[in-house]
């Protein structure tokens, strides 16, 4: 029955009700002549929308079920019954095709079982697409990027963390896109291998070079840093070739972590300074990893106990809300 109909039927005796003044808020009141019951007309779509807002508020903030139930003066069990239909209709991403800079990253939903791949717009700092996969590898990233390509997303730059499967997928799906390796990931991995207080002189010198990476803004600083790194490699080449031998004669490189850090930086250098040539390109994937992934993991902790499927619904609602937010101006 639409709101424009002049009559309303009683919920107890099913007889037509008549207008009986208004409520204190000004809404028309209806009264049944048989059972003397009075009520107001309620729209089902408004009720569903109100419940959806409560569901989103609970899902994407730290507000607890008990707080919402106390505010609505109902039980938690009733609130959960209201929320049940909304688990079945997660929002879908609205892909924007004018993304010039694409920022890619993945986050774990269920450790070693379920991942969420996220693509963000590097200019607007908003998510544009996401998808759940079982693991982060070449096949999943390839399928993810192929879907973006089908949606006519043609980025000029792609910012990523350098995961091998992801780099291979980018080169196959977007061969003309320029890759910007995330500087923070390089620094973080280097610090993990070198430690905060390296015992060897070569390690201490390399750690100083690694700490200089965030300050590189100009082409001159870039050339100077690359020369310093190449000089470090040449000066410590003999030291890095030192070997250790086991009882059986089997050998290995003594300073494997130092060699690993050297290889990490050497392989990343061609794609490490795109932001110098174009300052509008972010040098980190922070607005996806820190602005989206970190917040999702915080929400997962707040709502611990949810099933994997419900965690994906939570992530979809949060990312959909972020799509509609005004972009921040200080993320680079």
C-alpha atoms as a PDB file:
ATOM      1  CA  UNK A   1       0.000   0.000   0.000  1.00  0.00           C
ATOM      2  CA  UNK A   2       1.542   3.308  -1.029  1.00  0.00           C
ATOM      3  CA  UNK A   3       1.758   6.345   1.188  1.00  0.00           C
ATOM      4  CA  UNK A   4      -0.654   8.310  -1.004  1.00  0.00           C
ATOM      5  CA  UNK A   5      -3.620   5.992  -0.319  1.00  0.00           C
ATOM      6  CA  UNK A   6      -6.259   7.629   1.916  1.00  0.00           C
ATOM      7  CA  UNK A   7      -7.069   4.525   3.976  1.00  0.00           C
ATOM      8  CA  UNK A   8      -5.052   2.267   6.251  1.00  0.00           C
ATOM      9  CA  UNK A   9      -6.024  -1.174   7.555  1.00  0.00           C
ATOM     10  CA  UNK A  10      -5.704  -2.262  11.164  1.00  0.00           C
ATOM     11  CA  UNK A  11      -3.049  -4.841  11.905  1.00  0.00           C
ATOM     12  CA  UNK A  12      -5.316  -6.688  14.417  1.00  0.00           C
ATOM     13  CA  UNK A  13      -8.761  -6.841  12.819  1.00  0.00           C
ATOM     14  CA  UNK A  14      -7.823  -5.884   9.224  1.00  0.00           C
ATOM     15  CA  UNK A  15     -10.568  -3.245   9.121  1.00  0.00           C
ATOM     16  CA  UNK A  16     -10.067   0.168   7.587  1.00  0.00           C
ATOM     17  CA  UNK A  17      -8.798   2.863   9.924  1.00  0.00           C
ATOM     18  CA  UNK A  18      -9.721   6.522   9.905  1.00  0.00           C
ATOM     19  CA  UNK A  19      -7.646   9.652  10.312  1.00  0.00           C
ATOM     20  CA  UNK A  20      -7.347  10.628  13.967  1.00  0.00           C
ATOM     21  CA  UNK A  21      -5.321  13.801  14.278  1.00  0.00           C
ATOM     22  CA  UNK A  22      -1.525  13.882  14.313  1.00  0.00           C
ATOM     23  CA  UNK A  23       1.322  12.839  16.578  1.00  0.00           C
ATOM     24  CA  UNK A  24       3.541  15.270  18.503  1.00  0.00           C
ATOM     25  CA  UNK A  25       5.982  15.204  15.594  1.00  0.00           C
ATOM     26  CA  UNK A  26       3.231  16.126  13.125  1.00  0.00           C
ATOM     27  CA  UNK A  27       2.740  12.725  11.458  1.00  0.00           C
ATOM     28  CA  UNK A  28      -0.883  11.705  10.612  1.00  0.00           C
ATOM     29  CA  UNK A  29      -2.394   9.309  13.167  1.00  0.00           C
ATOM     30  CA  UNK A  30      -4.818   6.517  12.204  1.00  0.00           C
ATOM     31  CA  UNK A  31      -7.385   4.872  14.530  1.00  0.00           C
ATOM     32  CA  UNK A  32      -9.430   1.660  14.232  1.00  0.00           C
ATOM     33  CA  UNK A  33     -13.089   2.058  15.227  1.00  0.00           C
ATOM     34  CA  UNK A  34     -13.422  -1.635  16.249  1.00  0.00           C
ATOM     35  CA  UNK A  35     -10.378  -2.369  18.395  1.00  0.00           C
ATOM     36  CA  UNK A  36      -9.599   1.276  19.213  1.00  0.00           C
ATOM     37  CA  UNK A  37      -5.975   0.764  18.165  1.00  0.00           C
ATOM     38  CA  UNK A  38      -4.104   3.790  16.784  1.00  0.00           C
ATOM     39  CA  UNK A  39      -0.915   3.897  14.744  1.00  0.00           C
ATOM     40  CA  UNK A  40       0.938   5.830  12.074  1.00  0.00           C
ATOM     41  CA  UNK A  41       1.772   4.796   8.542  1.00  0.00           C
ATOM     42  CA  UNK A  42       5.330   3.505   8.076  1.00  0.00           C
ATOM     43  CA  UNK A  43       7.253   3.147   4.832  1.00  0.00           C
ATOM     44  CA  UNK A  44       9.055  -0.164   4.449  1.00  0.00           C
ATOM     45  CA  UNK A  45      11.830   1.330   2.319  1.00  0.00           C
ATOM     46  CA  UNK A  46      12.647   3.927   4.982  1.00  0.00           C
ATOM     47  CA  UNK A  47      12.786   1.220   7.622  1.00  0.00           C
ATOM     48  CA  UNK A  48      15.173  -0.888   5.524  1.00  0.00           C
ATOM     49  CA  UNK A  49      17.351   2.123   4.790  1.00  0.00           C
ATOM     50  CA  UNK A  50      17.557   3.002   8.474  1.00  0.00           C
ATOM     51  CA  UNK A  51      18.608  -0.555   9.316  1.00  0.00           C
ATOM     52  CA  UNK A  52      21.202  -0.504   6.533  1.00  0.00           C
ATOM     53  CA  UNK A  53      22.734   2.671   7.971  1.00  0.00           C
ATOM     54  CA  UNK A  54      22.971   0.981  11.372  1.00  0.00           C
ATOM     55  CA  UNK A  55      24.599  -2.059   9.760  1.00  0.00           C
ATOM     56  CA  UNK A  56      27.194   0.052   7.958  1.00  0.00           C
ATOM     57  CA  UNK A  57      27.875   2.083  11.110  1.00  0.00           C
ATOM     58  CA  UNK A  58      28.499  -1.068  13.114  1.00  0.00           C
ATOM     59  CA  UNK A  59      30.579  -2.705  10.374  1.00  0.00           C
ATOM     60  CA  UNK A  60      32.873   0.192   9.480  1.00  0.00           C
ATOM     61  CA  UNK A  61      33.406   1.802  12.899  1.00  0.00           C
ATOM     62  CA  UNK A  62      34.294   0.669  16.407  1.00  0.00           C
ATOM     63  CA  UNK A  63      30.688   1.056  17.601  1.00  0.00           C
ATOM     64  CA  UNK A  64      29.610  -2.193  19.284  1.00  0.00           C
ATOM     65  CA  UNK A  65      26.340  -4.065  18.862  1.00  0.00           C
ATOM     66  CA  UNK A  66      25.503  -3.377  22.498  1.00  0.00           C
ATOM     67  CA  UNK A  67      25.827   0.380  22.003  1.00  0.00           C
ATOM     68  CA  UNK A  68      23.584   0.358  18.915  1.00  0.00           C
ATOM     69  CA  UNK A  69      21.034  -1.899  20.620  1.00  0.00           C
ATOM     70  CA  UNK A  70      20.953   0.396  23.664  1.00  0.00           C
ATOM     71  CA  UNK A  71      20.465   3.435  21.406  1.00  0.00           C
ATOM     72  CA  UNK A  72      17.588   1.765  19.504  1.00  0.00           C
ATOM     73  CA  UNK A  73      16.153   0.242  22.711  1.00  0.00           C
ATOM     74  CA  UNK A  74      16.126  -3.288  21.312  1.00  0.00           C
ATOM     75  CA  UNK A  75      18.011  -6.486  22.051  1.00  0.00           C
ATOM     76  CA  UNK A  76      21.257  -7.510  20.364  1.00  0.00           C
ATOM     77  CA  UNK A  77      19.473 -10.579  19.031  1.00  0.00           C
ATOM     78  CA  UNK A  78      16.890  -8.407  17.283  1.00  0.00           C
ATOM     79  CA  UNK A  79      19.661  -6.244  15.857  1.00  0.00           C
ATOM     80  CA  UNK A  80      21.431  -9.284  14.425  1.00  0.00           C
ATOM     81  CA  UNK A  81      18.155 -10.381  12.834  1.00  0.00           C
ATOM     82  CA  UNK A  82      17.829  -6.959  11.206  1.00  0.00           C
ATOM     83  CA  UNK A  83      21.366  -7.211   9.834  1.00  0.00           C
ATOM     84  CA  UNK A  84      21.030 -10.725   8.401  1.00  0.00           C
ATOM     85  CA  UNK A  85      19.796  -9.722   4.864  1.00  0.00           C
ATOM     86  CA  UNK A  86      22.624  -7.205   4.375  1.00  0.00           C
ATOM     87  CA  UNK A  87      25.325  -9.884   4.507  1.00  0.00           C
ATOM     88  CA  UNK A  88      23.991 -11.180   1.175  1.00  0.00           C
ATOM     89  CA  UNK A  89      24.365  -7.927  -0.830  1.00  0.00           C
ATOM     90  CA  UNK A  90      27.924  -6.559  -0.647  1.00  0.00           C
ATOM     91  CA  UNK A  91      28.497  -3.400  -2.743  1.00  0.00           C
ATOM     92  CA  UNK A  92      30.415  -3.637  -6.002  1.00  0.00           C
ATOM     93  CA  UNK A  93      33.355  -1.347  -6.898  1.00  0.00           C
ATOM     94  CA  UNK A  94      32.717   1.580  -9.227  1.00  0.00           C
ATOM     95  CA  UNK A  95      35.711   1.505 -11.578  1.00  0.00           C
ATOM     96  CA  UNK A  96      36.985   4.853 -12.829  1.00  0.00           C
ATOM     97  CA  UNK A  97      38.703   4.565 -16.212  1.00  0.00           C
ATOM     98  CA  UNK A  98      40.689   7.813 -16.011  1.00  0.00           C
ATOM     99  CA  UNK A  99      43.238   6.573 -13.443  1.00  0.00           C
ATOM    100  CA  UNK A 100      46.632   7.847 -14.620  1.00  0.00           C
ATOM    101  CA  UNK A 101      48.510   6.314 -11.666  1.00  0.00           C
ATOM    102  CA  UNK A 102      47.507   2.894 -10.386  1.00  0.00           C
ATOM    103  CA  UNK A 103      48.598   1.768  -6.912  1.00  0.00           C
ATOM    104  CA  UNK A 104      48.432  -1.992  -6.330  1.00  0.00           C
ATOM    105  CA  UNK A 105      48.700  -3.914  -3.081  1.00  0.00           C
ATOM    106  CA  UNK A 106      47.303  -6.994  -1.374  1.00  0.00           C
ATOM    107  CA  UNK A 107      46.205  -7.653   2.197  1.00  0.00           C
ATOM    108  CA  UNK A 108      45.523 -10.869   4.073  1.00  0.00           C
ATOM    109  CA  UNK A 109      41.928 -11.604   5.124  1.00  0.00           C
ATOM    110  CA  UNK A 110      42.550 -15.143   6.433  1.00  0.00           C
ATOM    111  CA  UNK A 111      46.234 -15.983   6.822  1.00  0.00           C
ATOM    112  CA  UNK A 112      47.481 -18.277   4.037  1.00  0.00           C
ATOM    113  CA  UNK A 113      43.905 -18.891   2.852  1.00  0.00           C
ATOM    114  CA  UNK A 114      42.283 -15.693   1.624  1.00  0.00           C
ATOM    115  CA  UNK A 115      43.729 -12.454   0.212  1.00  0.00           C
ATOM    116  CA  UNK A 116      42.194  -9.181  -0.944  1.00  0.00           C
ATOM    117  CA  UNK A 117      43.814  -7.462  -3.923  1.00  0.00           C
ATOM    118  CA  UNK A 118      43.210  -3.700  -4.065  1.00  0.00           C
ATOM    119  CA  UNK A 119      43.814  -1.173  -6.838  1.00  0.00           C
ATOM    120  CA  UNK A 120      43.847   2.511  -5.902  1.00  0.00           C
ATOM    121  CA  UNK A 121      43.902   5.718  -7.902  1.00  0.00           C
ATOM    122  CA  UNK A 122      47.255   7.373  -7.210  1.00  0.00           C
ATOM    123  CA  UNK A 123      45.925  10.838  -8.060  1.00  0.00           C
ATOM    124  CA  UNK A 124      42.585  10.744  -6.209  1.00  0.00           C
ATOM    125  CA  UNK A 125      43.816   8.438  -3.391  1.00  0.00           C
ATOM    126  CA  UNK A 126      40.678   6.283  -3.489  1.00  0.00           C
ATOM    127  CA  UNK A 127      40.150   2.557  -4.174  1.00  0.00           C
ATOM    128  CA  UNK A 128      38.834   1.808  -7.658  1.00  0.00           C
ATOM    129  CA  UNK A 129      38.685  -2.002  -7.670  1.00  0.00           C
ATOM    130  CA  UNK A 130      39.166  -4.950  -5.330  1.00  0.00           C
ATOM    131  CA  UNK A 131      38.887  -8.721  -5.570  1.00  0.00           C
ATOM    132  CA  UNK A 132      39.300 -11.684  -3.235  1.00  0.00           C
ATOM    133  CA  UNK A 133      41.727 -14.478  -4.162  1.00  0.00           C
ATOM    134  CA  UNK A 134      43.210 -17.510  -2.443  1.00  0.00           C
ATOM    135  CA  UNK A 135      46.822 -16.339  -2.765  1.00  0.00           C
ATOM    136  CA  UNK A 136      48.916 -13.507  -4.190  1.00  0.00           C
ATOM    137  CA  UNK A 137      50.688 -14.821  -7.292  1.00  0.00           C
ATOM    138  CA  UNK A 138      51.134 -14.228 -11.021  1.00  0.00           C
ATOM    139  CA  UNK A 139      47.841 -15.920 -11.999  1.00  0.00           C
ATOM    140  CA  UNK A 140      45.672 -13.971  -9.542  1.00  0.00           C
ATOM    141  CA  UNK A 141      47.335 -10.652 -10.310  1.00  0.00           C
ATOM    142  CA  UNK A 142      47.114 -11.382 -14.038  1.00  0.00           C
ATOM    143  CA  UNK A 143      43.362 -12.023 -13.827  1.00  0.00           C
ATOM    144  CA  UNK A 144      42.945  -8.914 -11.666  1.00  0.00           C
ATOM    145  CA  UNK A 145      44.790  -6.660 -14.125  1.00  0.00           C
ATOM    146  CA  UNK A 146      43.097  -8.206 -17.165  1.00  0.00           C
ATOM    147  CA  UNK A 147      39.720  -7.235 -15.706  1.00  0.00           C
ATOM    148  CA  UNK A 148      40.933  -3.659 -15.248  1.00  0.00           C
ATOM    149  CA  UNK A 149      42.161  -3.691 -18.848  1.00  0.00           C
ATOM    150  CA  UNK A 150      38.744  -4.917 -20.024  1.00  0.00           C
ATOM    151  CA  UNK A 151      37.208  -1.958 -18.158  1.00  0.00           C
ATOM    152  CA  UNK A 152      39.456   0.389 -20.207  1.00  0.00           C
ATOM    153  CA  UNK A 153      41.757   1.312 -17.323  1.00  0.00           C
ATOM    154  CA  UNK A 154      45.000   2.436 -18.987  1.00  0.00           C
ATOM    155  CA  UNK A 155      47.443   3.747 -16.354  1.00  0.00           C
ATOM    156  CA  UNK A 156      50.636   5.554 -17.260  1.00  0.00           C
ATOM    157  CA  UNK A 157      52.347   4.611 -13.980  1.00  0.00           C
ATOM    158  CA  UNK A 158      51.867   1.645 -11.645  1.00  0.00           C
ATOM    159  CA  UNK A 159      53.105   1.829  -8.038  1.00  0.00           C
ATOM    160  CA  UNK A 160      53.657  -1.550  -6.349  1.00  0.00           C
ATOM    161  CA  UNK A 161      55.742  -3.364  -3.742  1.00  0.00           C
ATOM    162  CA  UNK A 162      57.771  -5.479  -6.202  1.00  0.00           C
ATOM    163  CA  UNK A 163      56.220  -8.900  -5.558  1.00  0.00           C
ATOM    164  CA  UNK A 164      57.587 -11.156  -8.336  1.00  0.00           C
ATOM    165  CA  UNK A 165      54.224 -12.429  -9.572  1.00  0.00           C
ATOM    166  CA  UNK A 166      52.839  -8.896  -9.618  1.00  0.00           C
ATOM    167  CA  UNK A 167      55.787  -7.495 -11.603  1.00  0.00           C
ATOM    168  CA  UNK A 168      55.471 -10.270 -14.167  1.00  0.00           C
ATOM    169  CA  UNK A 169      51.714  -9.707 -14.512  1.00  0.00           C
ATOM    170  CA  UNK A 170      52.209  -5.951 -14.999  1.00  0.00           C
ATOM    171  CA  UNK A 171      54.754  -6.499 -17.769  1.00  0.00           C
ATOM    172  CA  UNK A 172      52.371  -8.856 -19.574  1.00  0.00           C
ATOM    173  CA  UNK A 173      49.096  -6.933 -19.179  1.00  0.00           C
ATOM    174  CA  UNK A 174      50.459  -3.357 -19.211  1.00  0.00           C
ATOM    175  CA  UNK A 175      53.767  -3.531 -21.119  1.00  0.00           C
ATOM    176  CA  UNK A 176      53.801   0.234 -21.749  1.00  0.00           C
ATOM    177  CA  UNK A 177      53.126   1.276 -18.143  1.00  0.00           C
ATOM    178  CA  UNK A 178      56.052   2.602 -16.096  1.00  0.00           C
ATOM    179  CA  UNK A 179      56.599   0.884 -12.752  1.00  0.00           C
ATOM    180  CA  UNK A 180      57.401   2.815  -9.579  1.00  0.00           C
ATOM    181  CA  UNK A 181      58.734   0.505  -6.866  1.00  0.00           C
ATOM    182  CA  UNK A 182      57.544   1.430  -3.400  1.00  0.00           C
ATOM    183  CA  UNK A 183      60.491   3.061  -1.606  1.00  0.00           C
ATOM    184  CA  UNK A 184      59.152   2.132   1.831  1.00  0.00           C
ATOM    185  CA  UNK A 185      59.103  -1.571   0.942  1.00  0.00           C
ATOM    186  CA  UNK A 186      62.738  -1.372  -0.187  1.00  0.00           C
ATOM    187  CA  UNK A 187      63.752   0.361   3.048  1.00  0.00           C
ATOM    188  CA  UNK A 188      61.733  -2.034   5.208  1.00  0.00           C
ATOM    189  CA  UNK A 189      63.216  -5.162   3.610  1.00  0.00           C
ATOM    190  CA  UNK A 190      66.736  -3.719   3.725  1.00  0.00           C
ATOM    191  CA  UNK A 191      66.393  -2.886   7.429  1.00  0.00           C
ATOM    192  CA  UNK A 192      65.165  -6.413   8.087  1.00  0.00           C
ATOM    193  CA  UNK A 193      68.272  -7.927   6.500  1.00  0.00           C
ATOM    194  CA  UNK A 194      70.835  -5.363   7.670  1.00  0.00           C
ATOM    195  CA  UNK A 195      69.339  -4.902  11.179  1.00  0.00           C
ATOM    196  CA  UNK A 196      69.474  -1.568  12.981  1.00  0.00           C
ATOM    197  CA  UNK A 197      73.088  -2.032  14.095  1.00  0.00           C
ATOM    198  CA  UNK A 198      75.079  -3.956  11.446  1.00  0.00           C
ATOM    199  CA  UNK A 199      78.292  -5.484  12.747  1.00  0.00           C
ATOM    200  CA  UNK A 200      80.239  -5.145   9.507  1.00  0.00           C
ATOM    201  CA  UNK A 201      81.480  -1.874   8.077  1.00  0.00           C
ATOM    202  CA  UNK A 202      79.941  -2.656   4.685  1.00  0.00           C
ATOM    203  CA  UNK A 203      76.555  -3.143   6.350  1.00  0.00           C
ATOM    204  CA  UNK A 204      76.785   0.156   8.240  1.00  0.00           C
ATOM    205  CA  UNK A 205      77.684   2.045   5.066  1.00  0.00           C
ATOM    206  CA  UNK A 206      74.847   0.449   3.093  1.00  0.00           C
ATOM    207  CA  UNK A 207      72.383   1.239   5.867  1.00  0.00           C
ATOM    208  CA  UNK A 208      73.325   4.929   5.587  1.00  0.00           C
ATOM    209  CA  UNK A 209      72.582   4.805   1.839  1.00  0.00           C
ATOM    210  CA  UNK A 210      69.258   3.083   2.428  1.00  0.00           C
ATOM    211  CA  UNK A 211      68.189   5.755   4.923  1.00  0.00           C
ATOM    212  CA  UNK A 212      68.859   8.431   2.307  1.00  0.00           C
ATOM    213  CA  UNK A 213      66.293   7.037  -0.155  1.00  0.00           C
ATOM    214  CA  UNK A 214      63.226   8.993   1.134  1.00  0.00           C
ATOM    215  CA  UNK A 215      65.084  12.322   0.784  1.00  0.00           C
ATOM    216  CA  UNK A 216      65.844  11.948  -2.934  1.00  0.00           C
ATOM    217  CA  UNK A 217      63.729  14.526  -4.795  1.00  0.00           C
ATOM    218  CA  UNK A 218      65.828  15.834  -7.680  1.00  0.00           C
ATOM    219  CA  UNK A 219      67.709  14.271 -10.604  1.00  0.00           C
ATOM    220  CA  UNK A 220      70.994  15.492  -9.193  1.00  0.00           C
ATOM    221  CA  UNK A 221      70.355  13.742  -5.865  1.00  0.00           C
ATOM    222  CA  UNK A 222      69.343  10.621  -7.768  1.00  0.00           C
ATOM    223  CA  UNK A 223      72.575  10.519  -9.808  1.00  0.00           C
ATOM    224  CA  UNK A 224      74.676  11.178  -6.705  1.00  0.00           C
ATOM    225  CA  UNK A 225      72.968   8.375  -4.779  1.00  0.00           C
ATOM    226  CA  UNK A 226      73.368   5.865  -7.636  1.00  0.00           C
ATOM    227  CA  UNK A 227      77.085   6.746  -7.927  1.00  0.00           C
ATOM    228  CA  UNK A 228      77.496   6.228  -4.187  1.00  0.00           C
ATOM    229  CA  UNK A 229      75.779   2.851  -4.355  1.00  0.00           C
ATOM    230  CA  UNK A 230      77.885   1.684  -7.319  1.00  0.00           C
ATOM    231  CA  UNK A 231      81.036   2.820  -5.511  1.00  0.00           C
ATOM    232  CA  UNK A 232      79.953   0.846  -2.425  1.00  0.00           C
ATOM    233  CA  UNK A 233      79.406  -2.272  -4.573  1.00  0.00           C
ATOM    234  CA  UNK A 234      82.846  -1.914  -6.191  1.00  0.00           C
ATOM    235  CA  UNK A 235      84.659  -1.239  -2.901  1.00  0.00           C
ATOM    236  CA  UNK A 236      83.125  -4.217  -1.081  1.00  0.00           C
ATOM    237  CA  UNK A 237      82.957  -6.633  -3.990  1.00  0.00           C
ATOM    238  CA  UNK A 238      85.767  -8.825  -2.677  1.00  0.00           C
ATOM    239  CA  UNK A 239      84.292  -8.814   0.834  1.00  0.00           C
ATOM    240  CA  UNK A 240      80.868  -9.909  -0.477  1.00  0.00           C
ATOM    241  CA  UNK A 241      82.463 -12.828  -2.361  1.00  0.00           C
ATOM    242  CA  UNK A 242      83.843 -14.397   0.812  1.00  0.00           C
ATOM    243  CA  UNK A 243      82.794 -18.009   1.272  1.00  0.00           C
ATOM    244  CA  UNK A 244      82.228 -20.321   4.214  1.00  0.00           C
ATOM    245  CA  UNK A 245      82.860 -24.074   4.002  1.00  0.00           C
ATOM    246  CA  UNK A 246      81.168 -26.925   5.816  1.00  0.00           C
ATOM    247  CA  UNK A 247      82.674 -30.253   6.984  1.00  0.00           C
ATOM    248  CA  UNK A 248      81.649 -31.938   3.720  1.00  0.00           C
ATOM    249  CA  UNK A 249      83.241 -29.276   1.564  1.00  0.00           C
ATOM    250  CA  UNK A 250      79.948 -27.629   0.717  1.00  0.00           C
ATOM    251  CA  UNK A 251      80.254 -23.835   0.572  1.00  0.00           C
ATOM    252  CA  UNK A 252      78.008 -20.795   0.755  1.00  0.00           C
ATOM    253  CA  UNK A 253      78.475 -17.030   0.680  1.00  0.00           C
ATOM    254  CA  UNK A 254      79.355 -15.781   4.155  1.00  0.00           C
ATOM    255  CA  UNK A 255      77.476 -12.475   3.943  1.00  0.00           C
ATOM    256  CA  UNK A 256      74.239 -13.641   2.353  1.00  0.00           C
ATOM    257  CA  UNK A 257      72.016 -10.955   3.861  1.00  0.00           C
ATOM    258  CA  UNK A 258      74.341  -8.210   2.636  1.00  0.00           C
ATOM    259  CA  UNK A 259      74.358  -9.779  -0.822  1.00  0.00           C
ATOM    260  CA  UNK A 260      70.570 -10.052  -0.718  1.00  0.00           C
ATOM    261  CA  UNK A 261      70.217  -6.357   0.141  1.00  0.00           C
ATOM    262  CA  UNK A 262      72.602  -5.445  -2.665  1.00  0.00           C
ATOM    263  CA  UNK A 263      70.601  -7.511  -5.173  1.00  0.00           C
ATOM    264  CA  UNK A 264      67.305  -6.045  -3.916  1.00  0.00           C
ATOM    265  CA  UNK A 265      68.479  -2.462  -4.486  1.00  0.00           C
ATOM    266  CA  UNK A 266      70.291  -3.202  -7.760  1.00  0.00           C
ATOM    267  CA  UNK A 267      67.190  -4.843  -9.271  1.00  0.00           C
ATOM    268  CA  UNK A 268      64.924  -2.035  -8.040  1.00  0.00           C
ATOM    269  CA  UNK A 269      67.010   0.927  -9.248  1.00  0.00           C
ATOM    270  CA  UNK A 270      65.538   1.074 -12.819  1.00  0.00           C
ATOM    271  CA  UNK A 271      62.025   1.522 -11.330  1.00  0.00           C
ATOM    272  CA  UNK A 272      62.901   3.241  -8.068  1.00  0.00           C
ATOM    273  CA  UNK A 273      63.055   6.904  -9.095  1.00  0.00           C
ATOM    274  CA  UNK A 274      60.088   7.482 -11.424  1.00  0.00           C
ATOM    275  CA  UNK A 275      58.796  10.024  -8.904  1.00  0.00           C
ATOM    276  CA  UNK A 276      61.858  12.185  -9.553  1.00  0.00           C
ATOM    277  CA  UNK A 277      60.968  12.675 -13.228  1.00  0.00           C
ATOM    278  CA  UNK A 278      57.253  13.137 -12.437  1.00  0.00           C
ATOM    279  CA  UNK A 279      56.622  14.541  -8.911  1.00  0.00           C
ATOM    280  CA  UNK A 280      52.885  13.728  -9.177  1.00  0.00           C
ATOM    281  CA  UNK A 281      53.702  10.005  -9.009  1.00  0.00           C
ATOM    282  CA  UNK A 282      53.662   8.726  -5.398  1.00  0.00           C
ATOM    283  CA  UNK A 283      56.898   7.036  -4.389  1.00  0.00           C
ATOM    284  CA  UNK A 284      55.139   4.696  -1.959  1.00  0.00           C
ATOM    285  CA  UNK A 285      51.980   2.611  -1.899  1.00  0.00           C
ATOM    286  CA  UNK A 286      51.074   4.129   1.493  1.00  0.00           C
ATOM    287  CA  UNK A 287      47.589   5.323   0.584  1.00  0.00           C
ATOM    288  CA  UNK A 288      46.609   1.699  -0.142  1.00  0.00           C
ATOM    289  CA  UNK A 289      48.764  -0.151   2.377  1.00  0.00           C
ATOM    290  CA  UNK A 290      48.552   2.373   5.202  1.00  0.00           C
ATOM    291  CA  UNK A 291      45.292   4.149   4.405  1.00  0.00           C
ATOM    292  CA  UNK A 292      43.187   1.131   3.402  1.00  0.00           C
ATOM    293  CA  UNK A 293      44.863  -2.144   4.371  1.00  0.00           C
ATOM    294  CA  UNK A 294      45.825  -1.010   7.864  1.00  0.00           C
ATOM    295  CA  UNK A 295      42.300   0.228   8.538  1.00  0.00           C
ATOM    296  CA  UNK A 296      40.810  -3.034   7.240  1.00  0.00           C
ATOM    297  CA  UNK A 297      43.011  -5.077   9.566  1.00  0.00           C
ATOM    298  CA  UNK A 298      41.950  -2.853  12.453  1.00  0.00           C
ATOM    299  CA  UNK A 299      38.279  -3.489  11.588  1.00  0.00           C
ATOM    300  CA  UNK A 300      38.962  -7.230  11.339  1.00  0.00           C
ATOM    301  CA  UNK A 301      40.369  -7.103  14.882  1.00  0.00           C
ATOM    302  CA  UNK A 302      37.344  -5.152  16.138  1.00  0.00           C
ATOM    303  CA  UNK A 303      34.970  -7.688  14.543  1.00  0.00           C
ATOM    304  CA  UNK A 304      37.024 -10.803  15.255  1.00  0.00           C
ATOM    305  CA  UNK A 305      34.990 -13.970  15.008  1.00  0.00           C
ATOM    306  CA  UNK A 306      33.408 -13.150  11.648  1.00  0.00           C
ATOM    307  CA  UNK A 307      33.484 -15.848   8.989  1.00  0.00           C
ATOM    308  CA  UNK A 308      35.781 -15.288   5.961  1.00  0.00           C
ATOM    309  CA  UNK A 309      32.787 -14.477   3.754  1.00  0.00           C
ATOM    310  CA  UNK A 310      31.532 -11.859   6.205  1.00  0.00           C
ATOM    311  CA  UNK A 311      35.015 -10.360   6.402  1.00  0.00           C
ATOM    312  CA  UNK A 312      34.872  -9.854   2.630  1.00  0.00           C
ATOM    313  CA  UNK A 313      31.496  -8.097   3.019  1.00  0.00           C
ATOM    314  CA  UNK A 314      33.035  -5.858   5.689  1.00  0.00           C
ATOM    315  CA  UNK A 315      35.935  -5.013   3.365  1.00  0.00           C
ATOM    316  CA  UNK A 316      33.559  -4.314   0.457  1.00  0.00           C
ATOM    317  CA  UNK A 317      31.448  -1.872   2.488  1.00  0.00           C
ATOM    318  CA  UNK A 318      34.497  -0.074   3.852  1.00  0.00           C
ATOM    319  CA  UNK A 319      36.133   0.275   0.427  1.00  0.00           C
ATOM    320  CA  UNK A 320      32.841   1.353  -1.161  1.00  0.00           C
ATOM    321  CA  UNK A 321      32.507   4.104   1.445  1.00  0.00           C
ATOM    322  CA  UNK A 322      36.079   5.219   0.768  1.00  0.00           C
ATOM    323  CA  UNK A 323      35.235   5.488  -2.928  1.00  0.00           C
ATOM    324  CA  UNK A 324      32.648   8.128  -2.079  1.00  0.00           C
ATOM    325  CA  UNK A 325      34.841  10.128   0.310  1.00  0.00           C
ATOM    326  CA  UNK A 326      36.557  13.378  -0.600  1.00  0.00           C
ATOM    327  CA  UNK A 327      40.197  12.520  -1.492  1.00  0.00           C
ATOM    328  CA  UNK A 328      42.926  13.562   0.910  1.00  0.00           C
ATOM    329  CA  UNK A 329      45.514  16.088  -0.200  1.00  0.00           C
ATOM    330  CA  UNK A 330      48.557  15.057   1.840  1.00  0.00           C
ATOM    331  CA  UNK A 331      49.246  11.473   0.741  1.00  0.00           C
ATOM    332  CA  UNK A 332      52.369  11.194  -1.435  1.00  0.00           C
END
